[in-house]
């Protein structure tokens, strides 16, 4: 028995933003001298991928005595920031 699933994912939250960071041990501004200040770095996060899909396919065999071996494979498409692949296999046994 073949299977096919398609999931549409839309990211509503997590917009691109700036993040300010500094070194924990950078204590230059605590000595009272106004000319020595802690260095802060600004980083711009990546724009999130708002729309992508998960596609999966698999097969289940229905055998005698309630035994059902299965195998599935899933892939993420449309997300240019990373790739994602997953698979599963197993056997279901009727009790």
PDB file of N, CA and C in Angstrom:
ATOM      1  N   UNK A   1       0.845  -1.153   0.000  1.00  0.00           N
ATOM      2  CA  UNK A   1       0.000   0.000   0.000  1.00  0.00           C
ATOM      3  C   UNK A   1       0.914   1.247   0.000  1.00  0.00           C
ATOM      4  N   UNK A   2       0.978   1.971  -1.104  1.00  0.00           N
ATOM      5  CA  UNK A   2       1.840   3.158  -1.166  1.00  0.00           C
ATOM      6  C   UNK A   2       1.225   4.348  -0.433  1.00  0.00           C
ATOM      7  N   UNK A   3       2.100   5.256   0.007  1.00  0.00           N
ATOM      8  CA  UNK A   3       1.663   6.470   0.696  1.00  0.00           C
ATOM      9  C   UNK A   3       2.418   7.660   0.124  1.00  0.00           C
ATOM     10  N   UNK A   4       1.782   8.833   0.146  1.00  0.00           N
ATOM     11  CA  UNK A   4       2.437  10.076  -0.239  1.00  0.00           C
ATOM     12  C   UNK A   4       1.833  11.209   0.580  1.00  0.00           C
ATOM     13  N   UNK A   5       2.680  12.059   1.157  1.00  0.00           N
ATOM     14  CA  UNK A   5       2.224  13.214   1.936  1.00  0.00           C
ATOM     15  C   UNK A   5       2.961  14.458   1.469  1.00  0.00           C
ATOM     16  N   UNK A   6       2.277  15.585   1.467  1.00  0.00           N
ATOM     17  CA  UNK A   6       2.883  16.881   1.168  1.00  0.00           C
ATOM     18  C   UNK A   6       2.418  17.867   2.233  1.00  0.00           C
ATOM     19  N   UNK A   7       3.380  18.491   2.915  1.00  0.00           N
ATOM     20  CA  UNK A   7       3.074  19.461   3.957  1.00  0.00           C
ATOM     21  C   UNK A   7       3.613  20.819   3.545  1.00  0.00           C
ATOM     22  N   UNK A   8       2.768  21.832   3.644  1.00  0.00           N
ATOM     23  CA  UNK A   8       3.170  23.216   3.371  1.00  0.00           C
ATOM     24  C   UNK A   8       3.465  23.892   4.705  1.00  0.00           C
ATOM     25  N   UNK A   9       4.627  24.538   4.831  1.00  0.00           N
ATOM     26  CA  UNK A   9       5.010  25.218   6.059  1.00  0.00           C
ATOM     27  C   UNK A   9       5.209  26.696   5.760  1.00  0.00           C
ATOM     28  N   UNK A  10       4.568  27.551   6.566  1.00  0.00           N
ATOM     29  CA  UNK A  10       4.752  28.997   6.460  1.00  0.00           C
ATOM     30  C   UNK A  10       5.247  29.512   7.800  1.00  0.00           C
ATOM     31  N   UNK A  11       6.363  30.232   7.798  1.00  0.00           N
ATOM     32  CA  UNK A  11       6.950  30.805   9.014  1.00  0.00           C
ATOM     33  C   UNK A  11       6.349  32.180   9.261  1.00  0.00           C
ATOM     34  N   UNK A  12       5.595  32.323  10.335  1.00  0.00           N
ATOM     35  CA  UNK A  12       4.955  33.595  10.667  1.00  0.00           C
ATOM     36  C   UNK A  12       5.853  34.484  11.531  1.00  0.00           C
ATOM     37  N   UNK A  13       6.660  33.895  12.405  1.00  0.00           N
ATOM     38  CA  UNK A  13       7.456  34.655  13.368  1.00  0.00           C
ATOM     39  C   UNK A  13       8.913  34.716  12.927  1.00  0.00           C
ATOM     40  N   UNK A  14       9.739  35.275  13.812  1.00  0.00           N
ATOM     41  CA  UNK A  14      11.191  35.297  13.639  1.00  0.00           C
ATOM     42  C   UNK A  14      11.633  36.071  12.408  1.00  0.00           C
ATOM     43  N   UNK A  15      11.411  37.378  12.417  1.00  0.00           N
ATOM     44  CA  UNK A  15      11.880  38.229  11.332  1.00  0.00           C
ATOM     45  C   UNK A  15      13.381  38.442  11.450  1.00  0.00           C
ATOM     46  N   UNK A  16      13.973  38.974  10.404  1.00  0.00           N
ATOM     47  CA  UNK A  16      15.391  39.307  10.423  1.00  0.00           C
ATOM     48  C   UNK A  16      15.618  40.422  11.438  1.00  0.00           C
ATOM     49  N   UNK A  17      16.719  40.335  12.196  1.00  0.00           N
ATOM     50  CA  UNK A  17      16.978  41.346  13.215  1.00  0.00           C
ATOM     51  C   UNK A  17      18.474  41.492  13.450  1.00  0.00           C
ATOM     52  N   UNK A  18      18.850  42.565  14.134  1.00  0.00           N
ATOM     53  CA  UNK A  18      20.235  42.794  14.529  1.00  0.00           C
ATOM     54  C   UNK A  18      20.425  42.321  15.962  1.00  0.00           C
ATOM     55  N   UNK A  19      21.570  41.692  16.210  1.00  0.00           N
ATOM     56  CA  UNK A  19      21.888  41.193  17.537  1.00  0.00           C
ATOM     57  C   UNK A  19      23.203  41.833  17.965  1.00  0.00           C
ATOM     58  N   UNK A  20      23.214  42.489  19.120  1.00  0.00           N
ATOM     59  CA  UNK A  20      24.430  43.089  19.654  1.00  0.00           C
ATOM     60  C   UNK A  20      25.063  42.163  20.677  1.00  0.00           C
ATOM     61  N   UNK A  21      26.367  41.915  20.548  1.00  0.00           N
ATOM     62  CA  UNK A  21      27.080  41.036  21.471  1.00  0.00           C
ATOM     63  C   UNK A  21      28.383  41.690  21.893  1.00  0.00           C
ATOM     64  N   UNK A  22      28.886  41.242  23.046  1.00  0.00           N
ATOM     65  CA  UNK A  22      30.195  41.692  23.513  1.00  0.00           C
ATOM     66  C   UNK A  22      30.838  40.560  24.291  1.00  0.00           C
ATOM     67  N   UNK A  23      32.151  40.666  24.484  1.00  0.00           N
ATOM     68  CA  UNK A  23      32.875  39.644  25.228  1.00  0.00           C
ATOM     69  C   UNK A  23      32.587  39.786  26.717  1.00  0.00           C
ATOM     70  N   UNK A  24      32.401  38.680  27.406  1.00  0.00           N
ATOM     71  CA  UNK A  24      32.075  38.687  28.827  1.00  0.00           C
ATOM     72  C   UNK A  24      33.193  39.320  29.652  1.00  0.00           C
ATOM     73  N   UNK A  25      34.428  39.029  29.318  1.00  0.00           N
ATOM     74  CA  UNK A  25      35.568  39.507  30.097  1.00  0.00           C
ATOM     75  C   UNK A  25      36.081  40.868  29.636  1.00  0.00           C
ATOM     76  N   UNK A  26      35.350  41.568  28.789  1.00  0.00           N
ATOM     77  CA  UNK A  26      35.755  42.900  28.331  1.00  0.00           C
ATOM     78  C   UNK A  26      35.279  43.927  29.357  1.00  0.00           C
ATOM     79  N   UNK A  27      36.131  44.243  30.340  1.00  0.00           N
ATOM     80  CA  UNK A  27      35.768  45.114  31.453  1.00  0.00           C
ATOM     81  C   UNK A  27      36.394  46.502  31.331  1.00  0.00           C
ATOM     82  N   UNK A  28      36.692  46.958  30.135  1.00  0.00           N
ATOM     83  CA  UNK A  28      37.391  48.224  29.961  1.00  0.00           C
ATOM     84  C   UNK A  28      36.589  49.434  30.427  1.00  0.00           C
ATOM     85  N   UNK A  29      35.256  49.389  30.370  1.00  0.00           N
ATOM     86  CA  UNK A  29      34.464  50.558  30.749  1.00  0.00           C
ATOM     87  C   UNK A  29      34.252  50.649  32.256  1.00  0.00           C
ATOM     88  N   UNK A  30      34.759  49.704  33.038  1.00  0.00           N
ATOM     89  CA  UNK A  30      34.566  49.729  34.484  1.00  0.00           C
ATOM     90  C   UNK A  30      35.707  50.414  35.231  1.00  0.00           C
ATOM     91  N   UNK A  31      36.743  50.853  34.511  1.00  0.00           N
ATOM     92  CA  UNK A  31      37.871  51.484  35.197  1.00  0.00           C
ATOM     93  C   UNK A  31      37.673  52.976  35.415  1.00  0.00           C
ATOM     94  N   UNK A  32      36.543  53.545  34.996  1.00  0.00           N
ATOM     95  CA  UNK A  32      36.246  54.947  35.210  1.00  0.00           C
ATOM     96  C   UNK A  32      36.761  55.865  34.131  1.00  0.00           C
ATOM     97  N   UNK A  33      37.573  55.367  33.215  1.00  0.00           N
ATOM     98  CA  UNK A  33      38.115  56.191  32.128  1.00  0.00           C
ATOM     99  C   UNK A  33      37.107  56.208  30.982  1.00  0.00           C
ATOM    100  N   UNK A  34      36.530  57.385  30.619  1.00  0.00           N
ATOM    101  CA  UNK A  34      35.509  57.431  29.564  1.00  0.00           C
ATOM    102  C   UNK A  34      36.046  57.156  28.163  1.00  0.00           C
ATOM    103  N   UNK A  35      37.360  57.120  27.989  1.00  0.00           N
ATOM    104  CA  UNK A  35      37.920  56.866  26.650  1.00  0.00           C
ATOM    105  C   UNK A  35      38.013  55.379  26.347  1.00  0.00           C
ATOM    106  N   UNK A  36      37.923  54.538  27.354  1.00  0.00           N
ATOM    107  CA  UNK A  36      37.963  53.088  27.117  1.00  0.00           C
ATOM    108  C   UNK A  36      36.562  52.534  27.299  1.00  0.00           C
ATOM    109  N   UNK A  37      35.979  52.086  26.225  1.00  0.00           N
ATOM    110  CA  UNK A  37      34.620  51.552  26.269  1.00  0.00           C
ATOM    111  C   UNK A  37      34.607  50.124  25.763  1.00  0.00           C
ATOM    112  N   UNK A  38      33.645  49.375  26.262  1.00  0.00           N
ATOM    113  CA  UNK A  38      33.454  47.996  25.817  1.00  0.00           C
ATOM    114  C   UNK A  38      33.094  47.980  24.337  1.00  0.00           C
ATOM    115  N   UNK A  39      33.708  47.074  23.599  1.00  0.00           N
ATOM    116  CA  UNK A  39      33.426  46.936  22.171  1.00  0.00           C
ATOM    117  C   UNK A  39      32.205  46.045  22.002  1.00  0.00           C
ATOM    118  N   UNK A  40      31.197  46.544  21.283  1.00  0.00           N
ATOM    119  CA  UNK A  40      29.991  45.777  20.983  1.00  0.00           C
ATOM    120  C   UNK A  40      29.963  45.468  19.497  1.00  0.00           C
ATOM    121  N   UNK A  41      29.701  44.228  19.167  1.00  0.00           N
ATOM    122  CA  UNK A  41      29.608  43.785  17.778  1.00  0.00           C
ATOM    123  C   UNK A  41      28.143  43.638  17.410  1.00  0.00           C
ATOM    124  N   UNK A  42      27.783  44.010  16.200  1.00  0.00           N
ATOM    125  CA  UNK A  42      26.414  43.858  15.701  1.00  0.00           C
ATOM    126  C   UNK A  42      26.407  42.820  14.585  1.00  0.00           C
ATOM    127  N   UNK A  43      25.488  41.889  14.681  1.00  0.00           N
ATOM    128  CA  UNK A  43      25.309  40.864  13.664  1.00  0.00           C
ATOM    129  C   UNK A  43      23.879  40.921  13.143  1.00  0.00           C
ATOM    130  N   UNK A  44      23.736  40.749  11.855  1.00  0.00           N
ATOM    131  CA  UNK A  44      22.418  40.692  11.221  1.00  0.00           C
ATOM    132  C   UNK A  44      22.061  39.224  11.018  1.00  0.00           C
ATOM    133  N   UNK A  45      20.940  38.790  11.573  1.00  0.00           N
ATOM    134  CA  UNK A  45      20.511  37.409  11.369  1.00  0.00           C
ATOM    135  C   UNK A  45      20.009  37.238   9.930  1.00  0.00           C
ATOM    136  N   UNK A  46      19.977  36.013   9.482  1.00  0.00           N
ATOM    137  CA  UNK A  46      19.489  35.740   8.129  1.00  0.00           C
ATOM    138  C   UNK A  46      17.984  35.932   8.054  1.00  0.00           C
ATOM    139  N   UNK A  47      17.513  36.298   6.882  1.00  0.00           N
ATOM    140  CA  UNK A  47      16.073  36.376   6.664  1.00  0.00           C
ATOM    141  C   UNK A  47      15.511  34.965   6.711  1.00  0.00           C
ATOM    142  N   UNK A  48      14.413  34.749   7.434  1.00  0.00           N
ATOM    143  CA  UNK A  48      13.851  33.399   7.483  1.00  0.00           C
ATOM    144  C   UNK A  48      13.214  33.018   6.151  1.00  0.00           C
ATOM    145  N   UNK A  49      13.246  31.745   5.877  1.00  0.00           N
ATOM    146  CA  UNK A  49      12.527  31.225   4.713  1.00  0.00           C
ATOM    147  C   UNK A  49      11.072  31.113   5.129  1.00  0.00           C
ATOM    148  N   UNK A  50      10.208  31.851   4.476  1.00  0.00           N
ATOM    149  CA  UNK A  50       8.820  31.927   4.898  1.00  0.00           C
ATOM    150  C   UNK A  50       7.969  30.762   4.413  1.00  0.00           C
ATOM    151  N   UNK A  51       8.302  30.176   3.267  1.00  0.00           N
ATOM    152  CA  UNK A  51       7.459  29.132   2.679  1.00  0.00           C
ATOM    153  C   UNK A  51       8.323  27.989   2.170  1.00  0.00           C
ATOM    154  N   UNK A  52       8.004  26.773   2.594  1.00  0.00           N
ATOM    155  CA  UNK A  52       8.677  25.590   2.069  1.00  0.00           C
ATOM    156  C   UNK A  52       7.768  24.382   2.280  1.00  0.00           C
ATOM    157  N   UNK A  53       8.200  23.236   1.796  1.00  0.00           N
ATOM    158  CA  UNK A  53       7.378  22.021   1.814  1.00  0.00           C
ATOM    159  C   UNK A  53       8.164  20.845   2.386  1.00  0.00           C
ATOM    160  N   UNK A  54       7.456  19.931   3.011  1.00  0.00           N
ATOM    161  CA  UNK A  54       7.968  18.607   3.346  1.00  0.00           C
ATOM    162  C   UNK A  54       7.207  17.604   2.489  1.00  0.00           C
ATOM    163  N   UNK A  55       7.950  16.817   1.732  1.00  0.00           N
ATOM    164  CA  UNK A  55       7.350  15.770   0.899  1.00  0.00           C
ATOM    165  C   UNK A  55       7.802  14.426   1.436  1.00  0.00           C
ATOM    166  N   UNK A  56       6.880  13.499   1.565  1.00  0.00           N
ATOM    167  CA  UNK A  56       7.251  12.169   2.042  1.00  0.00           C
ATOM    168  C   UNK A  56       6.522  11.111   1.242  1.00  0.00           C
ATOM    169  N   UNK A  57       7.198   9.989   1.133  1.00  0.00           N
ATOM    170  CA  UNK A  57       6.634   8.852   0.432  1.00  0.00           C
ATOM    171  C   UNK A  57       7.011   7.587   1.193  1.00  0.00           C
ATOM    172  N   UNK A  58       6.225   6.571   1.036  1.00  0.00           N
ATOM    173  CA  UNK A  58       6.499   5.326   1.729  1.00  0.00           C
ATOM    174  C   UNK A  58       5.612   4.209   1.240  1.00  0.00           C
ATOM    175  N   UNK A  59       5.849   3.054   1.809  1.00  0.00           N
ATOM    176  CA  UNK A  59       5.070   1.889   1.435  1.00  0.00           C
ATOM    177  C   UNK A  59       4.871   1.018   2.673  1.00  0.00           C
ATOM    178  N   UNK A  60       3.678   0.429   2.776  1.00  0.00           N
ATOM    179  CA  UNK A  60       3.337  -0.503   3.845  1.00  0.00           C
ATOM    180  C   UNK A  60       2.849  -1.781   3.184  1.00  0.00           C
ATOM    181  N   UNK A  61       3.358  -2.911   3.649  1.00  0.00           N
ATOM    182  CA  UNK A  61       2.899  -4.204   3.139  1.00  0.00           C
ATOM    183  C   UNK A  61       2.007  -4.856   4.199  1.00  0.00           C
ATOM    184  N   UNK A  62       0.827  -5.307   3.796  1.00  0.00           N
ATOM    185  CA  UNK A  62      -0.103  -5.980   4.703  1.00  0.00           C
ATOM    186  C   UNK A  62       0.047  -7.491   4.515  1.00  0.00           C
ATOM    187  N   UNK A  63       0.640  -8.143   5.499  1.00  0.00           N
ATOM    188  CA  UNK A  63       0.930  -9.572   5.402  1.00  0.00           C
ATOM    189  C   UNK A  63       0.008 -10.371   6.323  1.00  0.00           C
ATOM    190  N   UNK A  64       0.109 -11.662   6.221  1.00  0.00           N
ATOM    191  CA  UNK A  64      -0.700 -12.555   7.051  1.00  0.00           C
ATOM    192  C   UNK A  64      -0.327 -12.412   8.524  1.00  0.00           C
ATOM    193  N   UNK A  65      -1.259 -12.755   9.405  1.00  0.00           N
ATOM    194  CA  UNK A  65      -1.076 -12.738  10.858  1.00  0.00           C
ATOM    195  C   UNK A  65      -0.850 -11.333  11.409  1.00  0.00           C
ATOM    196  N   UNK A  66      -1.356 -10.305  10.716  1.00  0.00           N
ATOM    197  CA  UNK A  66      -1.289  -8.929  11.210  1.00  0.00           C
ATOM    198  C   UNK A  66       0.091  -8.298  11.181  1.00  0.00           C
ATOM    199  N   UNK A  67       0.972  -8.790  10.352  1.00  0.00           N
ATOM    200  CA  UNK A  67       2.323  -8.222  10.243  1.00  0.00           C
ATOM    201  C   UNK A  67       2.325  -7.177   9.142  1.00  0.00           C
ATOM    202  N   UNK A  68       2.883  -5.962   9.459  1.00  0.00           N
ATOM    203  CA  UNK A  68       2.899  -4.851   8.512  1.00  0.00           C
ATOM    204  C   UNK A  68       4.288  -4.197   8.481  1.00  0.00           C
ATOM    205  N   UNK A  69       5.185  -4.627   7.612  1.00  0.00           N
ATOM    206  CA  UNK A  69       6.463  -3.922   7.458  1.00  0.00           C
ATOM    207  C   UNK A  69       6.243  -2.618   6.693  1.00  0.00           C
ATOM    208  N   UNK A  70       7.011  -1.583   7.050  1.00  0.00           N
ATOM    209  CA  UNK A  70       6.859  -0.290   6.376  1.00  0.00           C
ATOM    210  C   UNK A  70       8.211   0.399   6.231  1.00  0.00           C
ATOM    211  N   UNK A  71       8.274   1.308   5.264  1.00  0.00           N
ATOM    212  CA  UNK A  71       9.445   2.159   5.045  1.00  0.00           C
ATOM    213  C   UNK A  71       8.936   3.514   4.550  1.00  0.00           C
ATOM    214  N   UNK A  72       9.524   4.610   5.055  1.00  0.00           N
ATOM    215  CA  UNK A  72       9.126   5.967   4.688  1.00  0.00           C
ATOM    216  C   UNK A  72      10.372   6.816   4.456  1.00  0.00           C
ATOM    217  N   UNK A  73      10.261   7.812   3.588  1.00  0.00           N
ATOM    218  CA  UNK A  73      11.338   8.765   3.322  1.00  0.00           C
ATOM    219  C   UNK A  73      10.736  10.155   3.205  1.00  0.00           C
ATOM    220  N   UNK A  74      11.390  11.160   3.843  1.00  0.00           N
ATOM    221  CA  UNK A  74      10.903  12.546   3.814  1.00  0.00           C
ATOM    222  C   UNK A  74      12.035  13.483   3.398  1.00  0.00           C
ATOM    223  N   UNK A  75      11.689  14.499   2.594  1.00  0.00           N
ATOM    224  CA  UNK A  75      12.650  15.506   2.157  1.00  0.00           C
ATOM    225  C   UNK A  75      12.013  16.889   2.266  1.00  0.00           C
ATOM    226  N   UNK A  76      12.805  17.881   2.664  1.00  0.00           N
ATOM    227  CA  UNK A  76      12.354  19.272   2.713  1.00  0.00           C
ATOM    228  C   UNK A  76      12.765  19.936   1.405  1.00  0.00           C
ATOM    229  N   UNK A  77      11.836  20.624   0.758  1.00  0.00           N
ATOM    230  CA  UNK A  77      12.131  21.322  -0.499  1.00  0.00           C
ATOM    231  C   UNK A  77      11.694  22.780  -0.372  1.00  0.00           C
ATOM    232  N   UNK A  78      12.423  23.656  -1.061  1.00  0.00           N
ATOM    233  CA  UNK A  78      12.075  25.072  -1.076  1.00  0.00           C
ATOM    234  C   UNK A  78      12.709  25.880   0.033  1.00  0.00           C
ATOM    235  N   UNK A  79      13.559  25.287   0.857  1.00  0.00           N
ATOM    236  CA  UNK A  79      14.244  26.015   1.923  1.00  0.00           C
ATOM    237  C   UNK A  79      15.712  26.125   1.529  1.00  0.00           C
ATOM    238  N   UNK A  80      16.121  27.326   1.087  1.00  0.00           N
ATOM    239  CA  UNK A  80      17.486  27.498   0.594  1.00  0.00           C
ATOM    240  C   UNK A  80      18.519  27.621   1.709  1.00  0.00           C
ATOM    241  N   UNK A  81      18.096  27.677   2.982  1.00  0.00           N
ATOM    242  CA  UNK A  81      19.058  27.802   4.075  1.00  0.00           C
ATOM    243  C   UNK A  81      19.644  26.469   4.521  1.00  0.00           C
ATOM    244  N   UNK A  82      18.899  25.390   4.389  1.00  0.00           N
ATOM    245  CA  UNK A  82      19.435  24.075   4.740  1.00  0.00           C
ATOM    246  C   UNK A  82      18.611  22.978   4.098  1.00  0.00           C
ATOM    247  N   UNK A  83      19.191  21.775   4.066  1.00  0.00           N
ATOM    248  CA  UNK A  83      18.525  20.583   3.534  1.00  0.00           C
ATOM    249  C   UNK A  83      18.171  19.678   4.699  1.00  0.00           C
ATOM    250  N   UNK A  84      17.092  18.941   4.554  1.00  0.00           N
ATOM    251  CA  UNK A  84      16.677  18.027   5.603  1.00  0.00           C
ATOM    252  C   UNK A  84      16.116  16.771   4.962  1.00  0.00           C
ATOM    253  N   UNK A  85      16.666  15.632   5.337  1.00  0.00           N
ATOM    254  CA  UNK A  85      16.212  14.331   4.856  1.00  0.00           C
ATOM    255  C   UNK A  85      15.958  13.447   6.070  1.00  0.00           C
ATOM    256  N   UNK A  86      14.933  12.625   6.011  1.00  0.00           N
ATOM    257  CA  UNK A  86      14.641  11.715   7.118  1.00  0.00           C
ATOM    258  C   UNK A  86      14.037  10.436   6.554  1.00  0.00           C
ATOM    259  N   UNK A  87      14.244   9.373   7.271  1.00  0.00           N
ATOM    260  CA  UNK A  87      13.682   8.094   6.861  1.00  0.00           C
ATOM    261  C   UNK A  87      13.307   7.274   8.078  1.00  0.00           C
ATOM    262  N   UNK A  88      12.406   6.351   7.887  1.00  0.00           N
ATOM    263  CA  UNK A  88      12.029   5.442   8.958  1.00  0.00           C
ATOM    264  C   UNK A  88      11.622   4.102   8.356  1.00  0.00           C
ATOM    265  N   UNK A  89      11.815   3.078   9.139  1.00  0.00           N
ATOM    266  CA  UNK A  89      11.371   1.741   8.718  1.00  0.00           C
ATOM    267  C   UNK A  89      11.036   0.949   9.977  1.00  0.00           C
ATOM    268  N   UNK A  90      10.232  -0.058   9.815  1.00  0.00           N
ATOM    269  CA  UNK A  90       9.857  -0.868  10.962  1.00  0.00           C
ATOM    270  C   UNK A  90       8.840  -1.921  10.615  1.00  0.00           C
ATOM    271  N   UNK A  91       8.342  -2.559  11.640  1.00  0.00           N
ATOM    272  CA  UNK A  91       7.337  -3.600  11.491  1.00  0.00           C
ATOM    273  C   UNK A  91       6.286  -3.419  12.567  1.00  0.00           C
ATOM    274  N   UNK A  92       5.032  -3.426  12.163  1.00  0.00           N
ATOM    275  CA  UNK A  92       3.920  -3.412  13.115  1.00  0.00           C
ATOM    276  C   UNK A  92       3.404  -4.844  13.249  1.00  0.00           C
ATOM    277  N   UNK A  93       3.149  -5.238  14.490  1.00  0.00           N
ATOM    278  CA  UNK A  93       2.675  -6.599  14.741  1.00  0.00           C
ATOM    279  C   UNK A  93       1.350  -6.517  15.503  1.00  0.00           C
ATOM    280  N   UNK A  94       0.370  -7.224  15.027  1.00  0.00           N
ATOM    281  CA  UNK A  94      -0.922  -7.261  15.688  1.00  0.00           C
ATOM    282  C   UNK A  94      -0.818  -8.056  16.986  1.00  0.00           C
ATOM    283  N   UNK A  95      -1.364  -7.492  18.048  1.00  0.00           N
ATOM    284  CA  UNK A  95      -1.332  -8.199  19.356  1.00  0.00           C
ATOM    285  C   UNK A  95      -2.666  -8.830  19.669  1.00  0.00           C
TER     286      UNK A  95
END
